[in-house]
Amino acid sequence: MRWLTDTIGGLWELLRLGWITRFRFRGPYWRWRMETAFGSDVSRRPPRRQMIHAVLDYGRWVHRMRRGD
């Protein structure tokens, strides 16, 4: 059950981050975030499925940090 609440909270945090950055996913913040998370060489980035998993893990982590767990 905790995984589900963390996932929902993580999705909320990702939506919140998207809202704060006005969903400009090709803007400077998101380019910087992608480079620090996955490196600057696009050809060496993980497959889409792994990247989505990593982004959801990040959202869950942000949710737990903001909640204070």
N, C-alpha and C. Protein backbone atom coordinates (compact mmCIF):
# COMPACT_ATOMS: atom_id res chain seq x y z
N MET A 1 0.82 -1.20 0.00
CA MET A 1 0.00 0.00 0.00
C MET A 1 0.87 1.26 0.00
N ARG A 2 1.99 1.20 0.72
CA ARG A 2 2.86 2.38 0.77
C ARG A 2 3.43 2.70 -0.61
N TRP A 3 3.75 1.63 -1.38
CA TRP A 3 4.27 1.85 -2.72
C TRP A 3 3.27 2.63 -3.56
N LEU A 4 1.99 2.30 -3.42
CA LEU A 4 0.96 2.97 -4.19
C LEU A 4 0.84 4.44 -3.79
N THR A 5 0.84 4.71 -2.49
CA THR A 5 0.74 6.11 -2.05
C THR A 5 1.98 6.89 -2.45
N ASP A 6 3.16 6.25 -2.38
CA ASP A 6 4.38 6.92 -2.83
C ASP A 6 4.35 7.18 -4.33
N THR A 7 3.80 6.25 -5.10
CA THR A 7 3.71 6.42 -6.55
C THR A 7 2.76 7.56 -6.90
N ILE A 8 1.61 7.59 -6.25
CA ILE A 8 0.65 8.67 -6.51
C ILE A 8 1.25 10.01 -6.09
N GLY A 9 1.89 10.03 -4.91
CA GLY A 9 2.55 11.25 -4.46
C GLY A 9 3.69 11.65 -5.39
N GLY A 10 4.43 10.66 -5.90
CA GLY A 10 5.51 10.95 -6.83
C GLY A 10 5.01 11.53 -8.14
N LEU A 11 3.89 11.00 -8.62
CA LEU A 11 3.29 11.55 -9.84
C LEU A 11 2.84 12.99 -9.60
N TRP A 12 2.30 13.25 -8.43
CA TRP A 12 1.90 14.61 -8.07
C TRP A 12 3.11 15.55 -8.08
N GLU A 13 4.22 15.09 -7.49
CA GLU A 13 5.43 15.91 -7.44
C GLU A 13 5.98 16.16 -8.84
N LEU A 14 5.92 15.16 -9.71
CA LEU A 14 6.37 15.36 -11.09
C LEU A 14 5.46 16.34 -11.83
N LEU A 15 4.17 16.24 -11.60
CA LEU A 15 3.23 17.20 -12.19
C LEU A 15 3.52 18.60 -11.68
N ARG A 16 3.77 18.70 -10.39
CA ARG A 16 4.09 19.99 -9.76
C ARG A 16 5.35 20.59 -10.38
N LEU A 17 6.38 19.76 -10.55
CA LEU A 17 7.62 20.22 -11.16
C LEU A 17 7.38 20.66 -12.61
N GLY A 18 6.57 19.90 -13.32
CA GLY A 18 6.22 20.30 -14.68
C GLY A 18 5.50 21.64 -14.70
N TRP A 19 4.60 21.84 -13.76
CA TRP A 19 3.84 23.10 -13.67
C TRP A 19 4.79 24.27 -13.37
N ILE A 20 5.71 24.05 -12.42
CA ILE A 20 6.65 25.10 -12.03
C ILE A 20 7.52 25.51 -13.22
N THR A 21 7.92 24.55 -14.04
CA THR A 21 8.76 24.84 -15.20
C THR A 21 7.93 25.14 -16.45
N ARG A 22 6.62 25.27 -16.26
CA ARG A 22 5.66 25.57 -17.34
C ARG A 22 5.72 24.54 -18.46
N PHE A 23 6.06 23.30 -18.12
CA PHE A 23 6.11 22.18 -19.05
C PHE A 23 7.00 22.45 -20.26
N ARG A 24 8.03 23.25 -20.05
CA ARG A 24 9.02 23.50 -21.11
C ARG A 24 10.11 22.44 -21.01
N PHE A 25 9.80 21.25 -21.50
CA PHE A 25 10.68 20.11 -21.34
C PHE A 25 11.97 20.21 -22.14
N ARG A 26 12.04 21.14 -23.07
CA ARG A 26 13.29 21.35 -23.81
C ARG A 26 13.99 22.62 -23.34
N GLY A 27 13.53 23.16 -22.22
CA GLY A 27 14.13 24.37 -21.66
C GLY A 27 15.42 24.06 -20.91
N PRO A 28 16.08 25.10 -20.40
CA PRO A 28 17.38 24.91 -19.75
C PRO A 28 17.33 24.01 -18.52
N TYR A 29 16.29 24.13 -17.69
CA TYR A 29 16.23 23.28 -16.49
C TYR A 29 16.15 21.81 -16.86
N TRP A 30 15.29 21.47 -17.79
CA TRP A 30 15.11 20.06 -18.14
C TRP A 30 16.32 19.50 -18.88
N ARG A 31 16.97 20.34 -19.70
CA ARG A 31 18.20 19.88 -20.34
C ARG A 31 19.26 19.59 -19.29
N TRP A 32 19.40 20.50 -18.32
CA TRP A 32 20.36 20.29 -17.24
C TRP A 32 20.01 19.04 -16.44
N ARG A 33 18.73 18.84 -16.14
CA ARG A 33 18.30 17.68 -15.36
C ARG A 33 18.61 16.38 -16.09
N MET A 34 18.34 16.35 -17.39
CA MET A 34 18.62 15.14 -18.17
C MET A 34 20.12 14.86 -18.24
N GLU A 35 20.93 15.92 -18.39
CA GLU A 35 22.38 15.72 -18.45
C GLU A 35 22.93 15.23 -17.12
N THR A 36 22.47 15.77 -16.01
CA THR A 36 22.99 15.34 -14.72
C THR A 36 22.49 13.94 -14.36
N ALA A 37 21.32 13.59 -14.81
CA ALA A 37 20.76 12.27 -14.47
C ALA A 37 21.29 11.18 -15.39
N PHE A 38 21.42 11.47 -16.68
CA PHE A 38 21.72 10.42 -17.65
C PHE A 38 22.95 10.69 -18.51
N GLY A 39 23.61 11.81 -18.32
CA GLY A 39 24.80 12.13 -19.12
C GLY A 39 24.45 12.94 -20.35
N SER A 40 25.47 13.55 -20.94
CA SER A 40 25.22 14.45 -22.07
C SER A 40 25.18 13.72 -23.41
N ASP A 41 25.69 12.50 -23.47
CA ASP A 41 25.70 11.74 -24.72
C ASP A 41 24.35 11.03 -24.87
N VAL A 42 23.55 11.53 -25.79
CA VAL A 42 22.19 11.00 -25.99
C VAL A 42 22.21 9.52 -26.37
N SER A 43 23.22 9.11 -27.12
CA SER A 43 23.26 7.71 -27.57
C SER A 43 23.54 6.74 -26.42
N ARG A 44 24.05 7.22 -25.30
CA ARG A 44 24.36 6.35 -24.17
C ARG A 44 23.28 6.36 -23.10
N ARG A 45 22.20 7.08 -23.34
CA ARG A 45 21.10 7.12 -22.37
C ARG A 45 20.39 5.77 -22.33
N PRO A 46 19.78 5.46 -21.20
CA PRO A 46 19.09 4.17 -21.09
C PRO A 46 17.85 4.13 -21.99
N PRO A 47 17.34 2.92 -22.22
CA PRO A 47 16.11 2.80 -23.01
C PRO A 47 14.95 3.54 -22.34
N ARG A 48 13.94 3.85 -23.12
CA ARG A 48 12.80 4.63 -22.65
C ARG A 48 12.17 4.02 -21.39
N ARG A 49 12.00 2.72 -21.37
CA ARG A 49 11.37 2.06 -20.21
C ARG A 49 12.18 2.29 -18.94
N GLN A 50 13.49 2.14 -19.03
CA GLN A 50 14.36 2.38 -17.88
C GLN A 50 14.32 3.83 -17.45
N MET A 51 14.28 4.74 -18.41
CA MET A 51 14.24 6.16 -18.10
C MET A 51 12.94 6.53 -17.38
N ILE A 52 11.84 5.98 -17.84
CA ILE A 52 10.55 6.23 -17.18
C ILE A 52 10.58 5.70 -15.75
N HIS A 53 11.15 4.52 -15.57
CA HIS A 53 11.27 3.94 -14.24
C HIS A 53 12.11 4.85 -13.33
N ALA A 54 13.22 5.37 -13.87
CA ALA A 54 14.08 6.26 -13.09
C ALA A 54 13.37 7.55 -12.74
N VAL A 55 12.60 8.09 -13.65
CA VAL A 55 11.87 9.34 -13.39
C VAL A 55 10.81 9.10 -12.32
N LEU A 56 10.11 7.97 -12.37
CA LEU A 56 9.12 7.66 -11.34
C LEU A 56 9.78 7.45 -9.98
N ASP A 57 10.94 6.82 -9.97
CA ASP A 57 11.69 6.67 -8.72
C ASP A 57 12.06 8.03 -8.15
N TYR A 58 12.46 8.93 -9.02
CA TYR A 58 12.79 10.29 -8.59
C TYR A 58 11.56 10.98 -7.99
N GLY A 59 10.42 10.84 -8.65
CA GLY A 59 9.19 11.44 -8.13
C GLY A 59 8.83 10.88 -6.76
N ARG A 60 8.97 9.56 -6.59
CA ARG A 60 8.70 8.95 -5.28
C ARG A 60 9.65 9.48 -4.23
N TRP A 61 10.92 9.62 -4.60
CA TRP A 61 11.91 10.13 -3.65
C TRP A 61 11.56 11.56 -3.23
N VAL A 62 11.21 12.41 -4.19
CA VAL A 62 10.83 13.80 -3.88
C VAL A 62 9.63 13.80 -2.94
N HIS A 63 8.66 12.95 -3.21
CA HIS A 63 7.47 12.87 -2.36
C HIS A 63 7.84 12.50 -0.93
N ARG A 64 8.70 11.49 -0.78
CA ARG A 64 9.12 11.08 0.57
C ARG A 64 9.91 12.18 1.26
N MET A 65 10.77 12.89 0.53
CA MET A 65 11.57 13.97 1.14
C MET A 65 10.66 15.12 1.59
N ARG A 66 9.70 15.48 0.75
CA ARG A 66 8.81 16.60 1.11
C ARG A 66 7.89 16.21 2.27
N ARG A 67 7.57 14.93 2.37
CA ARG A 67 6.73 14.45 3.45
C ARG A 67 7.53 14.28 4.75
N GLY A 68 8.83 14.11 4.62
CA GLY A 68 9.68 14.00 5.79
C GLY A 68 9.96 12.58 6.23
N ASP A 69 9.81 11.60 5.34
CA ASP A 69 10.07 10.20 5.69
C ASP A 69 11.54 9.87 5.58
